[in-house]
Amino acid sequence: MLLSDTDIKQALKSGQIIVRPLPDFKVALSACSLDLRLNNQFQVFKPHRLLSDKPYFDTKNPAQTQLTKTITLKEAEPFILAPGEFALASTLEWLELPSNIAGRLEGRSSLGRLGIVVHSTAALIHPGIKARIVLELGNHAPIPVALYPGMRVCSVSFEQLTQPAAKPYSGKYMNQQGTVSSRIYKDN
């Protein structure tokens, strides 16, 4: 069951769902979702160089995470996402979900109409998560697009599970404070 705006407000008021800082409901709350804002930290790939003799990204090599660098913007400074570029970002808001509610991340259609996608594959926000949500930004447009920290960049809807998850999220991205490189090398 998808939570309505009334349900979302009630879950936030009761502390069942935690979002800090809380967005302005007048602009961020729609019929069944809550807009979240862009944080000021971005992670981008360094100019192409591999850390081994292999001509590819080795998902079992933890050193491959050194292929990215973190950029932190000052207030009102834009992040320019070039055509075909990929960057990690995160939400300004910290989100905590109980074991009986999952979230679904979506991009804002106003940005989608400019060619900006906010997630490549990670749309599901697992029950039990406590973190800033990492965004997988991409630009499919033929021109660069300026993104500003603090702008509404995505929305999250909330879904009630039929019963609490027996195994709420406790994975490798729990408590992430901002952009975090892939930790796929930690998979078994």
Protein backbone atom coordinates (compact mmCIF):
# COMPACT_ATOMS: atom_id res chain seq x y z
CA MET A 1 0.00 0.00 0.00
CA LEU A 2 1.39 3.38 -1.07
CA LEU A 3 1.21 6.04 1.66
CA SER A 4 -0.80 9.18 0.89
CA ASP A 5 0.27 12.70 1.81
CA THR A 6 -1.84 12.42 4.97
CA ASP A 7 -0.17 9.10 5.87
CA ILE A 8 3.30 10.55 5.21
CA LYS A 9 2.62 13.54 7.49
CA GLN A 10 1.33 11.23 10.23
CA ALA A 11 4.33 8.86 9.93
CA LEU A 12 6.70 11.82 10.18
CA LYS A 13 4.82 13.35 13.11
CA SER A 14 4.82 10.06 15.04
CA GLY A 15 8.49 9.39 14.29
CA GLN A 16 7.71 6.19 12.39
CA ILE A 17 9.55 7.74 9.41
CA ILE A 18 12.40 10.16 10.16
CA VAL A 19 13.53 12.81 7.68
CA ARG A 20 16.06 15.42 8.86
CA PRO A 21 15.98 18.25 8.11
CA LEU A 22 12.31 18.14 7.28
CA PRO A 23 11.50 19.68 3.87
CA ASP A 24 8.90 22.42 3.51
CA PHE A 25 5.62 20.54 2.98
CA LYS A 26 4.16 23.41 0.94
CA VAL A 27 6.58 22.66 -1.91
CA ALA A 28 7.91 19.18 -1.14
CA LEU A 29 4.82 17.12 -0.29
CA SER A 30 2.61 15.84 -3.10
CA ALA A 31 -0.32 13.43 -3.08
CA CYS A 32 1.88 10.39 -2.37
CA SER A 33 5.54 11.45 -2.24
CA LEU A 34 8.01 13.77 -0.58
CA ASP A 35 10.63 15.71 -2.54
CA LEU A 36 14.18 15.57 -1.24
CA ARG A 37 16.98 18.04 -1.90
CA LEU A 38 20.45 17.76 -3.34
CA ASN A 39 23.39 17.83 -0.95
CA ASN A 40 26.62 19.74 -1.76
CA GLN A 41 28.93 16.74 -2.13
CA PHE A 42 29.53 14.92 -5.43
CA GLN A 43 31.74 12.04 -6.42
CA VAL A 44 33.03 11.93 -9.98
CA PHE A 45 35.40 9.69 -11.88
CA LYS A 46 38.92 11.02 -12.21
CA PRO A 47 40.23 11.36 -15.75
CA HIS A 48 40.46 7.85 -17.11
CA ARG A 49 43.20 5.82 -15.54
CA LEU A 50 43.05 2.28 -14.29
CA LEU A 51 44.88 1.06 -11.21
CA SER A 52 46.04 -2.20 -12.74
CA ASP A 53 47.04 -3.67 -16.06
CA LYS A 54 43.44 -4.68 -16.71
CA PRO A 55 41.53 -2.46 -19.19
CA TYR A 56 38.36 -2.53 -17.10
CA PHE A 57 36.92 -1.75 -13.67
CA ASP A 58 37.56 -4.82 -11.53
CA THR A 59 34.59 -5.26 -9.17
CA LYS A 60 36.64 -7.51 -6.87
CA ASN A 61 39.46 -4.98 -6.42
CA PRO A 62 38.85 -2.52 -3.53
CA ALA A 63 41.58 -0.22 -4.89
CA GLN A 64 39.27 0.57 -7.82
CA THR A 65 37.33 2.92 -5.52
CA GLN A 66 40.32 5.26 -5.85
CA LEU A 67 39.15 6.03 -9.39
CA THR A 68 36.79 8.68 -8.05
CA LYS A 69 37.26 11.99 -6.30
CA THR A 70 34.93 13.95 -4.04
CA ILE A 71 33.91 17.50 -4.85
CA THR A 72 32.30 19.64 -2.14
CA LEU A 73 30.57 22.79 -3.32
CA LYS A 74 30.19 26.07 -1.50
CA GLU A 75 26.75 27.61 -0.97
CA ALA A 76 25.02 28.61 -4.24
CA GLU A 77 27.83 27.09 -6.33
CA PRO A 78 26.49 24.93 -9.21
CA PHE A 79 27.57 21.42 -10.08
CA ILE A 80 27.77 21.17 -13.86
CA LEU A 81 26.84 17.73 -15.15
CA ALA A 82 28.17 17.34 -18.68
CA PRO A 83 26.49 15.27 -21.41
CA GLY A 84 27.13 11.57 -20.86
CA GLU A 85 28.69 12.22 -17.45
CA PHE A 86 27.93 10.18 -14.35
CA ALA A 87 28.27 11.40 -10.76
CA LEU A 88 27.26 10.22 -7.33
CA ALA A 89 25.47 12.68 -5.09
CA SER A 90 23.29 12.38 -2.02
CA THR A 91 20.19 13.86 -0.55
CA LEU A 92 20.52 16.70 1.91
CA GLU A 93 18.01 14.87 4.08
CA TRP A 94 18.82 11.96 6.38
CA LEU A 95 16.19 9.21 6.14
CA GLU A 96 15.27 6.48 8.61
CA LEU A 97 12.65 3.86 7.78
CA PRO A 98 11.15 1.27 10.12
CA SER A 99 11.14 -2.44 9.27
CA ASN A 100 7.60 -2.26 7.87
CA ILE A 101 8.01 0.61 5.35
CA ALA A 102 10.06 0.70 2.15
CA GLY A 103 10.81 3.75 0.05
CA ARG A 104 10.84 4.22 -3.71
CA LEU A 105 13.15 6.85 -5.19
CA GLU A 106 12.15 8.69 -8.36
CA GLY A 107 13.61 11.60 -10.25
CA ARG A 108 11.65 14.80 -10.66
CA SER A 109 10.03 15.04 -14.08
CA SER A 110 11.15 18.66 -14.48
CA LEU A 111 14.77 17.47 -14.36
CA GLY A 112 14.00 14.40 -16.46
CA ARG A 113 12.75 16.71 -19.19
CA LEU A 114 16.25 18.23 -19.23
CA GLY A 115 17.85 14.79 -19.60
CA ILE A 116 18.83 14.33 -15.94
CA VAL A 117 18.30 10.95 -14.28
CA VAL A 118 18.81 10.57 -10.53
CA HIS A 119 19.15 6.81 -10.27
CA SER A 120 20.52 4.18 -12.59
CA THR A 121 19.28 1.14 -10.71
CA ALA A 122 18.96 1.96 -7.01
CA ALA A 123 15.32 3.01 -6.73
CA LEU A 124 14.44 0.78 -3.78
CA ILE A 125 15.08 2.18 -0.30
CA HIS A 126 15.05 -0.81 2.02
CA PRO A 127 13.08 -1.02 5.26
CA GLY A 128 15.38 -0.33 8.22
CA ILE A 129 17.70 2.06 6.33
CA LYS A 130 19.35 4.91 8.21
CA ALA A 131 21.31 7.09 5.79
CA ARG A 132 21.42 9.91 3.33
CA ILE A 133 20.22 8.47 0.06
CA VAL A 134 22.91 8.26 -2.61
CA LEU A 135 21.86 9.40 -6.07
CA GLU A 136 23.32 8.07 -9.32
CA LEU A 137 23.16 11.18 -11.51
CA GLY A 138 23.41 11.00 -15.28
CA ASN A 139 22.98 13.54 -18.07
CA HIS A 140 21.36 12.23 -21.26
CA ALA A 141 20.97 15.72 -22.75
CA PRO A 142 23.30 17.08 -25.44
CA ILE A 143 24.24 20.08 -23.28
CA PRO A 144 25.58 20.51 -19.72
CA VAL A 145 23.06 21.08 -16.92
CA ALA A 146 23.70 23.08 -13.73
CA LEU A 147 22.47 21.44 -10.53
CA TYR A 148 22.43 23.37 -7.26
CA PRO A 149 22.78 22.09 -3.72
CA GLY A 150 19.49 22.55 -1.91
CA MET A 151 17.33 22.15 -5.02
CA ARG A 152 14.58 19.56 -5.01
CA VAL A 153 16.09 16.78 -7.09
CA CYS A 154 14.10 13.62 -6.37
CA SER A 155 11.04 12.33 -4.61
CA VAL A 156 10.49 9.37 -2.36
CA SER A 157 7.24 7.50 -1.96
CA PHE A 158 6.64 5.13 0.92
CA GLU A 159 5.10 1.67 0.80
CA GLN A 160 3.67 -0.23 3.75
CA LEU A 161 4.87 -3.85 3.85
CA THR A 162 2.33 -6.59 4.56
CA GLN A 163 4.34 -7.33 7.71
CA PRO A 164 7.65 -6.09 9.13
CA ALA A 165 10.74 -7.37 7.31
CA ALA A 166 12.40 -10.27 9.11
CA LYS A 167 15.74 -8.95 7.85
CA PRO A 168 15.67 -5.11 7.74
CA TYR A 169 18.53 -3.40 5.94
CA SER A 170 21.89 -3.63 7.69
CA GLY A 171 24.14 -3.67 4.65
CA LYS A 172 27.36 -2.03 3.54
CA TYR A 173 25.78 1.42 3.03
CA MET A 174 24.04 1.74 6.41
CA ASN A 175 24.67 5.13 8.04
CA GLN A 176 26.22 6.65 4.91
CA GLN A 177 26.57 10.38 5.44
CA GLY A 178 26.99 11.36 1.80
CA THR A 179 28.43 9.98 -1.39
CA VAL A 180 29.92 6.53 -0.97
CA SER A 181 31.73 4.68 -3.77
CA SER A 182 30.62 1.24 -4.81
CA ARG A 183 31.46 -1.41 -2.27
CA ILE A 184 30.67 -4.28 -4.61
CA TYR A 185 34.04 -5.82 -3.77
CA LYS A 186 32.55 -6.67 -0.34
CA ASP A 187 30.02 -9.03 -1.93
CA ASN A 188 30.62 -12.70 -1.25
